[in-house]
All heavy atoms as atom14 arrays in JSON, in Angstrom:
{
  "sequence": "TPATWPEIRSWRKATRDAILARRMARPVEERRGLSEPVIAYLRA",
  "atom14_mask": [
    [1, 1, 1, 1, 1, 1, 1, 0, 0, 0, 0, 0, 0, 0],
    [1, 1, 1, 1, 1, 1, 1, 0, 0, 0, 0, 0, 0, 0],
    [1, 1, 1, 1, 1, 0, 0, 0, 0, 0, 0, 0, 0, 0],
    [1, 1, 1, 1, 1, 1, 1, 0, 0, 0, 0, 0, 0, 0],
    [1, 1, 1, 1, 1, 1, 1, 1, 1, 1, 1, 1, 1, 1],
    [1, 1, 1, 1, 1, 1, 1, 0, 0, 0, 0, 0, 0, 0],
    [1, 1, 1, 1, 1, 1, 1, 1, 1, 0, 0, 0, 0, 0],
    [1, 1, 1, 1, 1, 1, 1, 1, 0, 0, 0, 0, 0, 0],
    [1, 1, 1, 1, 1, 1, 1, 1, 1, 1, 1, 0, 0, 0],
    [1, 1, 1, 1, 1, 1, 0, 0, 0, 0, 0, 0, 0, 0],
    [1, 1, 1, 1, 1, 1, 1, 1, 1, 1, 1, 1, 1, 1],
    [1, 1, 1, 1, 1, 1, 1, 1, 1, 1, 1, 0, 0, 0],
    [1, 1, 1, 1, 1, 1, 1, 1, 1, 0, 0, 0, 0, 0],
    [1, 1, 1, 1, 1, 0, 0, 0, 0, 0, 0, 0, 0, 0],
    [1, 1, 1, 1, 1, 1, 1, 0, 0, 0, 0, 0, 0, 0],
    [1, 1, 1, 1, 1, 1, 1, 1, 1, 1, 1, 0, 0, 0],
    [1, 1, 1, 1, 1, 1, 1, 1, 0, 0, 0, 0, 0, 0],
    [1, 1, 1, 1, 1, 0, 0, 0, 0, 0, 0, 0, 0, 0],
    [1, 1, 1, 1, 1, 1, 1, 1, 0, 0, 0, 0, 0, 0],
    [1, 1, 1, 1, 1, 1, 1, 1, 0, 0, 0, 0, 0, 0],
    [1, 1, 1, 1, 1, 0, 0, 0, 0, 0, 0, 0, 0, 0],
    [1, 1, 1, 1, 1, 1, 1, 1, 1, 1, 1, 0, 0, 0],
    [1, 1, 1, 1, 1, 1, 1, 1, 1, 1, 1, 0, 0, 0],
    [1, 1, 1, 1, 1, 1, 1, 1, 0, 0, 0, 0, 0, 0],
    [1, 1, 1, 1, 1, 0, 0, 0, 0, 0, 0, 0, 0, 0],
    [1, 1, 1, 1, 1, 1, 1, 1, 1, 1, 1, 0, 0, 0],
    [1, 1, 1, 1, 1, 1, 1, 0, 0, 0, 0, 0, 0, 0],
    [1, 1, 1, 1, 1, 1, 1, 0, 0, 0, 0, 0, 0, 0],
    [1, 1, 1, 1, 1, 1, 1, 1, 1, 0, 0, 0, 0, 0],
    [1, 1, 1, 1, 1, 1, 1, 1, 1, 0, 0, 0, 0, 0],
    [1, 1, 1, 1, 1, 1, 1, 1, 1, 1, 1, 0, 0, 0],
    [1, 1, 1, 1, 1, 1, 1, 1, 1, 1, 1, 0, 0, 0],
    [1, 1, 1, 1, 0, 0, 0, 0, 0, 0, 0, 0, 0, 0],
    [1, 1, 1, 1, 1, 1, 1, 1, 0, 0, 0, 0, 0, 0],
    [1, 1, 1, 1, 1, 1, 0, 0, 0, 0, 0, 0, 0, 0],
    [1, 1, 1, 1, 1, 1, 1, 1, 1, 0, 0, 0, 0, 0],
    [1, 1, 1, 1, 1, 1, 1, 0, 0, 0, 0, 0, 0, 0],
    [1, 1, 1, 1, 1, 1, 1, 0, 0, 0, 0, 0, 0, 0],
    [1, 1, 1, 1, 1, 1, 1, 1, 0, 0, 0, 0, 0, 0],
    [1, 1, 1, 1, 1, 0, 0, 0, 0, 0, 0, 0, 0, 0],
    [1, 1, 1, 1, 1, 1, 1, 1, 1, 1, 1, 1, 0, 0],
    [1, 1, 1, 1, 1, 1, 1, 1, 0, 0, 0, 0, 0, 0],
    [1, 1, 1, 1, 1, 1, 1, 1, 1, 1, 1, 0, 0, 0],
    [1, 1, 1, 1, 1, 0, 0, 0, 0, 0, 0, 0, 0, 0]
  ],
  "atom14_positions": [
    [[49.46, 17.51, 137.02], [48.27, 17.85, 136.18], [48.64, 17.59, 134.77], [49.69, 18.19, 134.19], [47.83, 19.28, 136.39], [47.5, 19.48, 137.77], [46.67, 19.65, 135.5], [0.0, 0.0, 0.0], [0.0, 0.0, 0.0], [0.0, 0.0, 0.0], [0.0, 0.0, 0.0], [0.0, 0.0, 0.0], [0.0, 0.0, 0.0], [0.0, 0.0, 0.0]],
    [[47.92, 16.85, 133.98], [48.24, 16.61, 132.52], [48.08, 17.98, 131.78], [47.19, 18.71, 132.0], [47.2, 15.58, 132.19], [46.06, 15.73, 133.09], [46.66, 16.11, 134.35], [0.0, 0.0, 0.0], [0.0, 0.0, 0.0], [0.0, 0.0, 0.0], [0.0, 0.0, 0.0], [0.0, 0.0, 0.0], [0.0, 0.0, 0.0], [0.0, 0.0, 0.0]],
    [[48.97, 18.17, 130.84], [48.99, 19.32, 130.09], [48.82, 19.16, 128.58], [48.17, 19.91, 127.9], [50.28, 20.09, 130.35], [0.0, 0.0, 0.0], [0.0, 0.0, 0.0], [0.0, 0.0, 0.0], [0.0, 0.0, 0.0], [0.0, 0.0, 0.0], [0.0, 0.0, 0.0], [0.0, 0.0, 0.0], [0.0, 0.0, 0.0], [0.0, 0.0, 0.0]],
    [[49.51, 18.15, 128.05], [49.42, 17.89, 126.62], [48.29, 16.96, 126.34], [47.8, 16.19, 127.2], [50.74, 17.23, 126.13], [50.87, 15.96, 126.63], [51.92, 18.08, 126.5], [0.0, 0.0, 0.0], [0.0, 0.0, 0.0], [0.0, 0.0, 0.0], [0.0, 0.0, 0.0], [0.0, 0.0, 0.0], [0.0, 0.0, 0.0], [0.0, 0.0, 0.0]],
    [[47.84, 16.87, 125.09], [46.77, 15.97, 124.67], [47.08, 14.52, 124.98], [46.25, 13.89, 125.51], [46.32, 16.21, 123.29], [45.27, 15.25, 122.82], [45.36, 14.42, 121.71], [44.04, 14.9, 123.38], [44.23, 13.61, 121.66], [43.44, 13.93, 122.7], [43.42, 15.37, 124.51], [42.17, 13.38, 122.99], [42.13, 14.83, 124.89], [41.52, 13.85, 124.05]],
    [[48.25, 14.08, 124.66], [48.53, 12.63, 125.06], [48.45, 12.42, 126.52], [47.98, 11.32, 126.99], [49.98, 12.43, 124.54], [50.07, 13.36, 123.42], [49.34, 14.58, 123.82], [0.0, 0.0, 0.0], [0.0, 0.0, 0.0], [0.0, 0.0, 0.0], [0.0, 0.0, 0.0], [0.0, 0.0, 0.0], [0.0, 0.0, 0.0], [0.0, 0.0, 0.0]],
    [[48.92, 13.31, 127.38], [48.83, 13.19, 128.82], [47.33, 13.19, 129.3], [46.92, 12.46, 130.15], [49.61, 14.31, 129.54], [51.09, 14.19, 129.35], [51.78, 15.37, 129.95], [51.17, 16.49, 130.06], [52.99, 15.32, 130.31], [0.0, 0.0, 0.0], [0.0, 0.0, 0.0], [0.0, 0.0, 0.0], [0.0, 0.0, 0.0], [0.0, 0.0, 0.0]],
    [[46.58, 14.13, 128.73], [45.2, 14.23, 129.01], [44.44, 12.98, 128.62], [43.58, 12.46, 129.39], [44.53, 15.54, 128.41], [45.07, 16.72, 129.07], [43.05, 15.43, 128.52], [44.78, 18.02, 128.36], [0.0, 0.0, 0.0], [0.0, 0.0, 0.0], [0.0, 0.0, 0.0], [0.0, 0.0, 0.0], [0.0, 0.0, 0.0], [0.0, 0.0, 0.0]],
    [[44.77, 12.44, 127.4], [44.13, 11.23, 127.04], [44.35, 10.05, 127.91], [43.43, 9.29, 128.26], [44.47, 10.92, 125.58], [43.76, 9.79, 124.89], [44.02, 9.77, 123.4], [45.47, 9.88, 123.08], [45.9, 10.15, 121.87], [45.08, 10.42, 120.85], [47.21, 10.24, 121.67], [0.0, 0.0, 0.0], [0.0, 0.0, 0.0], [0.0, 0.0, 0.0]],
    [[45.62, 9.97, 128.34], [45.96, 8.91, 129.3], [45.26, 9.12, 130.62], [44.8, 8.14, 131.21], [47.47, 8.88, 129.53], [48.16, 8.55, 128.3], [0.0, 0.0, 0.0], [0.0, 0.0, 0.0], [0.0, 0.0, 0.0], [0.0, 0.0, 0.0], [0.0, 0.0, 0.0], [0.0, 0.0, 0.0], [0.0, 0.0, 0.0], [0.0, 0.0, 0.0]],
    [[45.19, 10.35, 131.03], [44.55, 10.56, 132.36], [43.04, 10.27, 132.22], [42.45, 9.7, 133.15], [44.67, 12.11, 132.68], [43.98, 12.56, 133.89], [44.43, 12.5, 135.23], [42.64, 13.07, 134.0], [43.39, 12.91, 136.09], [42.33, 13.22, 135.32], [41.65, 13.35, 133.04], [41.07, 13.76, 135.78], [40.44, 13.78, 133.49], [40.14, 14.04, 134.82]],
    [[42.42, 10.62, 131.11], [41.02, 10.33, 130.97], [40.86, 8.83, 130.91], [39.79, 8.37, 131.6], [40.52, 10.96, 129.62], [40.32, 12.41, 129.65], [39.71, 12.96, 128.39], [39.53, 14.37, 128.4], [38.95, 15.09, 127.44], [38.4, 14.44, 126.3], [38.82, 16.37, 127.56], [0.0, 0.0, 0.0], [0.0, 0.0, 0.0], [0.0, 0.0, 0.0]],
    [[41.62, 8.05, 130.33], [41.42, 6.62, 130.29], [41.57, 5.99, 131.72], [40.77, 5.14, 132.11], [42.5, 5.93, 129.4], [42.38, 4.42, 129.33], [43.4, 3.75, 128.44], [43.15, 2.26, 128.27], [42.95, 1.59, 129.56], [0.0, 0.0, 0.0], [0.0, 0.0, 0.0], [0.0, 0.0, 0.0], [0.0, 0.0, 0.0], [0.0, 0.0, 0.0]],
    [[42.59, 6.54, 132.5], [42.79, 5.97, 133.83], [41.59, 6.38, 134.73], [41.1, 5.58, 135.47], [44.07, 6.56, 134.44], [0.0, 0.0, 0.0], [0.0, 0.0, 0.0], [0.0, 0.0, 0.0], [0.0, 0.0, 0.0], [0.0, 0.0, 0.0], [0.0, 0.0, 0.0], [0.0, 0.0, 0.0], [0.0, 0.0, 0.0], [0.0, 0.0, 0.0]],
    [[41.16, 7.6, 134.56], [39.96, 8.05, 135.36], [38.73, 7.29, 134.93], [37.91, 6.94, 135.77], [39.79, 9.57, 135.11], [40.93, 10.29, 135.47], [38.61, 10.06, 135.92], [0.0, 0.0, 0.0], [0.0, 0.0, 0.0], [0.0, 0.0, 0.0], [0.0, 0.0, 0.0], [0.0, 0.0, 0.0], [0.0, 0.0, 0.0], [0.0, 0.0, 0.0]],
    [[38.52, 7.11, 133.65], [37.36, 6.41, 133.15], [37.34, 4.96, 133.74], [36.24, 4.49, 134.21], [37.35, 6.33, 131.65], [36.25, 5.62, 130.96], [36.46, 5.53, 129.44], [36.54, 6.92, 128.85], [37.64, 7.31, 128.31], [38.74, 6.57, 128.19], [37.71, 8.57, 127.78], [0.0, 0.0, 0.0], [0.0, 0.0, 0.0], [0.0, 0.0, 0.0]],
    [[38.46, 4.29, 133.69], [38.54, 2.97, 134.18], [38.18, 2.87, 135.64], [37.48, 1.98, 136.13], [39.93, 2.34, 133.93], [40.24, 2.04, 132.39], [39.28, 2.14, 131.59], [41.39, 1.93, 132.04], [0.0, 0.0, 0.0], [0.0, 0.0, 0.0], [0.0, 0.0, 0.0], [0.0, 0.0, 0.0], [0.0, 0.0, 0.0], [0.0, 0.0, 0.0]],
    [[38.66, 3.83, 136.39], [38.42, 3.81, 137.85], [36.98, 4.11, 138.14], [36.39, 3.44, 139.02], [39.31, 4.95, 138.53], [0.0, 0.0, 0.0], [0.0, 0.0, 0.0], [0.0, 0.0, 0.0], [0.0, 0.0, 0.0], [0.0, 0.0, 0.0], [0.0, 0.0, 0.0], [0.0, 0.0, 0.0], [0.0, 0.0, 0.0], [0.0, 0.0, 0.0]],
    [[36.38, 5.05, 137.42], [35.03, 5.25, 137.74], [34.09, 4.14, 137.28], [33.17, 3.7, 138.04], [34.51, 6.6, 136.89], [35.15, 7.8, 137.5], [32.99, 6.73, 136.96], [34.92, 9.12, 136.68], [0.0, 0.0, 0.0], [0.0, 0.0, 0.0], [0.0, 0.0, 0.0], [0.0, 0.0, 0.0], [0.0, 0.0, 0.0], [0.0, 0.0, 0.0]],
    [[34.34, 3.53, 136.14], [33.54, 2.38, 135.73], [33.68, 1.16, 136.72], [32.66, 0.48, 136.97], [33.99, 1.99, 134.29], [33.52, 2.95, 133.2], [34.15, 2.5, 131.85], [32.05, 3.05, 133.12], [0.0, 0.0, 0.0], [0.0, 0.0, 0.0], [0.0, 0.0, 0.0], [0.0, 0.0, 0.0], [0.0, 0.0, 0.0], [0.0, 0.0, 0.0]],
    [[34.87, 1.01, 137.18], [35.0, -0.09, 138.15], [34.2, 0.11, 139.34], [33.56, -0.75, 139.92], [36.48, -0.25, 138.52], [0.0, 0.0, 0.0], [0.0, 0.0, 0.0], [0.0, 0.0, 0.0], [0.0, 0.0, 0.0], [0.0, 0.0, 0.0], [0.0, 0.0, 0.0], [0.0, 0.0, 0.0], [0.0, 0.0, 0.0], [0.0, 0.0, 0.0]],
    [[34.2, 1.38, 139.91], [33.44, 1.69, 141.02], [31.9, 1.62, 140.74], [31.14, 1.16, 141.57], [33.8, 3.09, 141.6], [35.26, 3.21, 142.03], [35.62, 4.59, 142.63], [37.04, 4.64, 142.59], [37.69, 5.65, 143.32], [37.01, 6.56, 143.89], [39.05, 5.63, 143.34], [0.0, 0.0, 0.0], [0.0, 0.0, 0.0], [0.0, 0.0, 0.0]],
    [[31.57, 2.07, 139.6], [30.12, 2.05, 139.26], [29.61, 0.69, 139.11], [28.5, 0.27, 139.6], [29.91, 2.75, 137.94], [28.42, 2.94, 137.54], [28.26, 3.96, 136.38], [28.5, 3.24, 135.1], [28.59, 3.89, 133.92], [28.42, 5.2, 133.9], [28.79, 3.19, 132.8], [0.0, 0.0, 0.0], [0.0, 0.0, 0.0], [0.0, 0.0, 0.0]],
    [[30.39, -0.23, 138.51], [29.92, -1.65, 138.35], [29.94, -2.3, 139.74], [29.17, -3.33, 139.84], [30.85, -2.35, 137.37], [30.69, -1.88, 135.93], [29.05, -2.09, 135.28], [28.91, -3.86, 135.26], [0.0, 0.0, 0.0], [0.0, 0.0, 0.0], [0.0, 0.0, 0.0], [0.0, 0.0, 0.0], [0.0, 0.0, 0.0], [0.0, 0.0, 0.0]],
    [[30.74, -1.94, 140.57], [30.78, -2.59, 141.95], [29.62, -2.11, 142.84], [29.33, -2.85, 143.81], [32.06, -2.23, 142.62], [0.0, 0.0, 0.0], [0.0, 0.0, 0.0], [0.0, 0.0, 0.0], [0.0, 0.0, 0.0], [0.0, 0.0, 0.0], [0.0, 0.0, 0.0], [0.0, 0.0, 0.0], [0.0, 0.0, 0.0], [0.0, 0.0, 0.0]],
    [[28.94, -1.12, 142.45], [27.76, -0.56, 143.29], [26.61, -1.6, 143.12], [26.24, -1.94, 141.99], [27.4, 0.77, 142.71], [26.18, 1.35, 143.42], [25.97, 2.85, 143.05], [26.62, 3.71, 144.06], [27.19, 4.92, 143.79], [27.25, 5.35, 142.61], [27.75, 5.58, 144.78], [0.0, 0.0, 0.0], [0.0, 0.0, 0.0], [0.0, 0.0, 0.0]],
    [[25.95, -1.93, 144.2], [24.88, -2.89, 144.15], [23.68, -2.35, 143.22], [23.46, -1.17, 143.1], [24.39, -3.02, 145.52], [25.56, -2.63, 146.38], [26.31, -1.63, 145.61], [0.0, 0.0, 0.0], [0.0, 0.0, 0.0], [0.0, 0.0, 0.0], [0.0, 0.0, 0.0], [0.0, 0.0, 0.0], [0.0, 0.0, 0.0], [0.0, 0.0, 0.0]],
    [[23.09, -3.33, 142.48], [22.02, -2.93, 141.57], [20.94, -2.15, 142.25], [20.48, -1.08, 141.63], [21.45, -4.22, 140.83], [20.26, -3.84, 140.01], [22.53, -4.81, 140.0], [0.0, 0.0, 0.0], [0.0, 0.0, 0.0], [0.0, 0.0, 0.0], [0.0, 0.0, 0.0], [0.0, 0.0, 0.0], [0.0, 0.0, 0.0], [0.0, 0.0, 0.0]],
    [[20.5, -2.53, 143.37], [19.36, -1.82, 144.09], [19.85, -0.45, 144.54], [19.01, 0.47, 144.4], [18.95, -2.63, 145.35], [18.16, -3.93, 144.92], [16.98, -3.54, 144.16], [16.18, -2.6, 144.4], [16.77, -4.32, 143.18], [0.0, 0.0, 0.0], [0.0, 0.0, 0.0], [0.0, 0.0, 0.0], [0.0, 0.0, 0.0], [0.0, 0.0, 0.0]],
    [[21.13, -0.23, 144.81], [21.52, 1.12, 145.15], [21.55, 1.97, 143.89], [21.15, 3.14, 143.91], [22.95, 1.01, 145.69], [23.51, 2.39, 146.16], [24.91, 2.35, 146.81], [25.37, 1.27, 147.06], [25.52, 3.38, 146.93], [0.0, 0.0, 0.0], [0.0, 0.0, 0.0], [0.0, 0.0, 0.0], [0.0, 0.0, 0.0], [0.0, 0.0, 0.0]],
    [[22.01, 1.42, 142.78], [21.93, 2.19, 141.52], [20.52, 2.56, 141.17], [20.28, 3.72, 140.68], [22.55, 1.38, 140.39], [24.11, 1.16, 140.46], [24.7, 0.84, 139.19], [24.19, -0.31, 138.51], [24.7, -1.5, 138.52], [25.87, -1.69, 139.18], [24.15, -2.5, 137.85], [0.0, 0.0, 0.0], [0.0, 0.0, 0.0], [0.0, 0.0, 0.0]],
    [[19.6, 1.64, 141.34], [18.2, 1.97, 141.03], [17.71, 3.09, 141.91], [16.98, 3.98, 141.42], [17.33, 0.66, 141.19], [17.5, -0.31, 140.1], [16.74, -1.63, 140.46], [16.97, -2.62, 139.42], [16.55, -3.88, 139.62], [16.06, -4.28, 140.76], [16.76, -4.81, 138.63], [0.0, 0.0, 0.0], [0.0, 0.0, 0.0], [0.0, 0.0, 0.0]],
    [[18.0, 3.01, 143.19], [17.52, 4.09, 144.14], [18.16, 5.45, 143.73], [17.48, 6.51, 143.74], [0.0, 0.0, 0.0], [0.0, 0.0, 0.0], [0.0, 0.0, 0.0], [0.0, 0.0, 0.0], [0.0, 0.0, 0.0], [0.0, 0.0, 0.0], [0.0, 0.0, 0.0], [0.0, 0.0, 0.0], [0.0, 0.0, 0.0], [0.0, 0.0, 0.0]],
    [[19.41, 5.52, 143.39], [20.07, 6.75, 142.99], [19.54, 7.24, 141.67], [19.6, 8.48, 141.36], [21.54, 6.56, 142.85], [22.33, 6.27, 144.23], [23.73, 5.96, 143.94], [22.24, 7.45, 145.08], [0.0, 0.0, 0.0], [0.0, 0.0, 0.0], [0.0, 0.0, 0.0], [0.0, 0.0, 0.0], [0.0, 0.0, 0.0], [0.0, 0.0, 0.0]],
    [[19.0, 6.28, 140.82], [18.48, 6.74, 139.54], [17.13, 7.47, 139.55], [16.74, 8.17, 138.69], [18.38, 5.45, 138.61], [19.66, 4.92, 138.35], [0.0, 0.0, 0.0], [0.0, 0.0, 0.0], [0.0, 0.0, 0.0], [0.0, 0.0, 0.0], [0.0, 0.0, 0.0], [0.0, 0.0, 0.0], [0.0, 0.0, 0.0], [0.0, 0.0, 0.0]],
    [[16.44, 7.12, 140.63], [14.99, 7.66, 140.73], [14.85, 9.17, 140.56], [14.04, 9.66, 139.86], [14.32, 7.2, 142.02], [14.06, 5.62, 142.0], [13.54, 5.13, 143.34], [13.33, 5.96, 144.26], [13.25, 3.91, 143.41], [0.0, 0.0, 0.0], [0.0, 0.0, 0.0], [0.0, 0.0, 0.0], [0.0, 0.0, 0.0], [0.0, 0.0, 0.0]],
    [[15.67, 10.01, 141.32], [15.54, 11.4, 141.13], [15.86, 11.88, 139.72], [15.23, 12.83, 139.22], [16.56, 11.99, 142.18], [16.79, 10.94, 143.11], [16.74, 9.65, 142.3], [0.0, 0.0, 0.0], [0.0, 0.0, 0.0], [0.0, 0.0, 0.0], [0.0, 0.0, 0.0], [0.0, 0.0, 0.0], [0.0, 0.0, 0.0], [0.0, 0.0, 0.0]],
    [[16.79, 11.25, 139.07], [17.15, 11.56, 137.68], [15.99, 11.26, 136.76], [15.59, 12.19, 135.87], [18.38, 10.91, 137.21], [18.72, 11.22, 135.76], [19.56, 11.12, 138.17], [0.0, 0.0, 0.0], [0.0, 0.0, 0.0], [0.0, 0.0, 0.0], [0.0, 0.0, 0.0], [0.0, 0.0, 0.0], [0.0, 0.0, 0.0], [0.0, 0.0, 0.0]],
    [[15.37, 10.15, 136.9], [14.25, 9.75, 135.93], [13.04, 10.68, 136.33], [12.28, 11.0, 135.41], [13.93, 8.26, 136.21], [15.15, 7.44, 135.7], [12.69, 7.87, 135.43], [15.01, 5.98, 136.0], [0.0, 0.0, 0.0], [0.0, 0.0, 0.0], [0.0, 0.0, 0.0], [0.0, 0.0, 0.0], [0.0, 0.0, 0.0], [0.0, 0.0, 0.0]],
    [[12.87, 11.05, 137.59], [11.74, 11.92, 137.92], [11.89, 13.3, 137.19], [10.99, 13.84, 136.74], [11.64, 12.08, 139.41], [0.0, 0.0, 0.0], [0.0, 0.0, 0.0], [0.0, 0.0, 0.0], [0.0, 0.0, 0.0], [0.0, 0.0, 0.0], [0.0, 0.0, 0.0], [0.0, 0.0, 0.0], [0.0, 0.0, 0.0], [0.0, 0.0, 0.0]],
    [[13.17, 13.77, 137.16], [13.48, 15.01, 136.5], [13.12, 14.82, 135.03], [12.51, 15.76, 134.39], [14.92, 15.42, 136.68], [15.41, 16.49, 135.74], [15.02, 17.83, 135.94], [16.13, 16.15, 134.68], [15.38, 18.82, 135.08], [16.53, 17.21, 133.71], [16.18, 18.48, 134.0], [16.56, 19.46, 133.06], [0.0, 0.0, 0.0], [0.0, 0.0, 0.0]],
    [[13.56, 13.8, 134.41], [13.3, 13.62, 132.95], [11.77, 13.55, 132.71], [11.24, 14.1, 131.74], [13.96, 12.35, 132.49], [15.46, 12.32, 132.45], [16.07, 10.99, 131.95], [16.01, 13.39, 131.62], [0.0, 0.0, 0.0], [0.0, 0.0, 0.0], [0.0, 0.0, 0.0], [0.0, 0.0, 0.0], [0.0, 0.0, 0.0], [0.0, 0.0, 0.0]],
    [[11.01, 12.82, 133.61], [9.64, 12.73, 133.41], [8.92, 14.12, 133.39], [8.03, 14.43, 132.73], [8.99, 11.85, 134.45], [9.24, 10.37, 134.17], [8.75, 9.48, 135.32], [8.78, 8.04, 135.01], [9.06, 7.12, 135.85], [9.34, 7.44, 137.19], [9.13, 5.88, 135.53], [0.0, 0.0, 0.0], [0.0, 0.0, 0.0], [0.0, 0.0, 0.0]],
    [[9.48, 14.95, 134.28], [8.82, 16.29, 134.45], [9.29, 17.25, 133.31], [8.5, 18.23, 133.03], [9.25, 16.93, 135.83], [0.0, 0.0, 0.0], [0.0, 0.0, 0.0], [0.0, 0.0, 0.0], [0.0, 0.0, 0.0], [0.0, 0.0, 0.0], [0.0, 0.0, 0.0], [0.0, 0.0, 0.0], [0.0, 0.0, 0.0], [0.0, 0.0, 0.0]]
  ]
}
């Protein structure tokens, strides 16, 4: 578990890169479908 700010910053970068890679690999239509409940909440 990262403890110091430099360790946390490095952990955040690695985690961010992993999440973004997975998000970009998700098909566009799947992203659109998953977005619908969020947008419905905002509209309401």
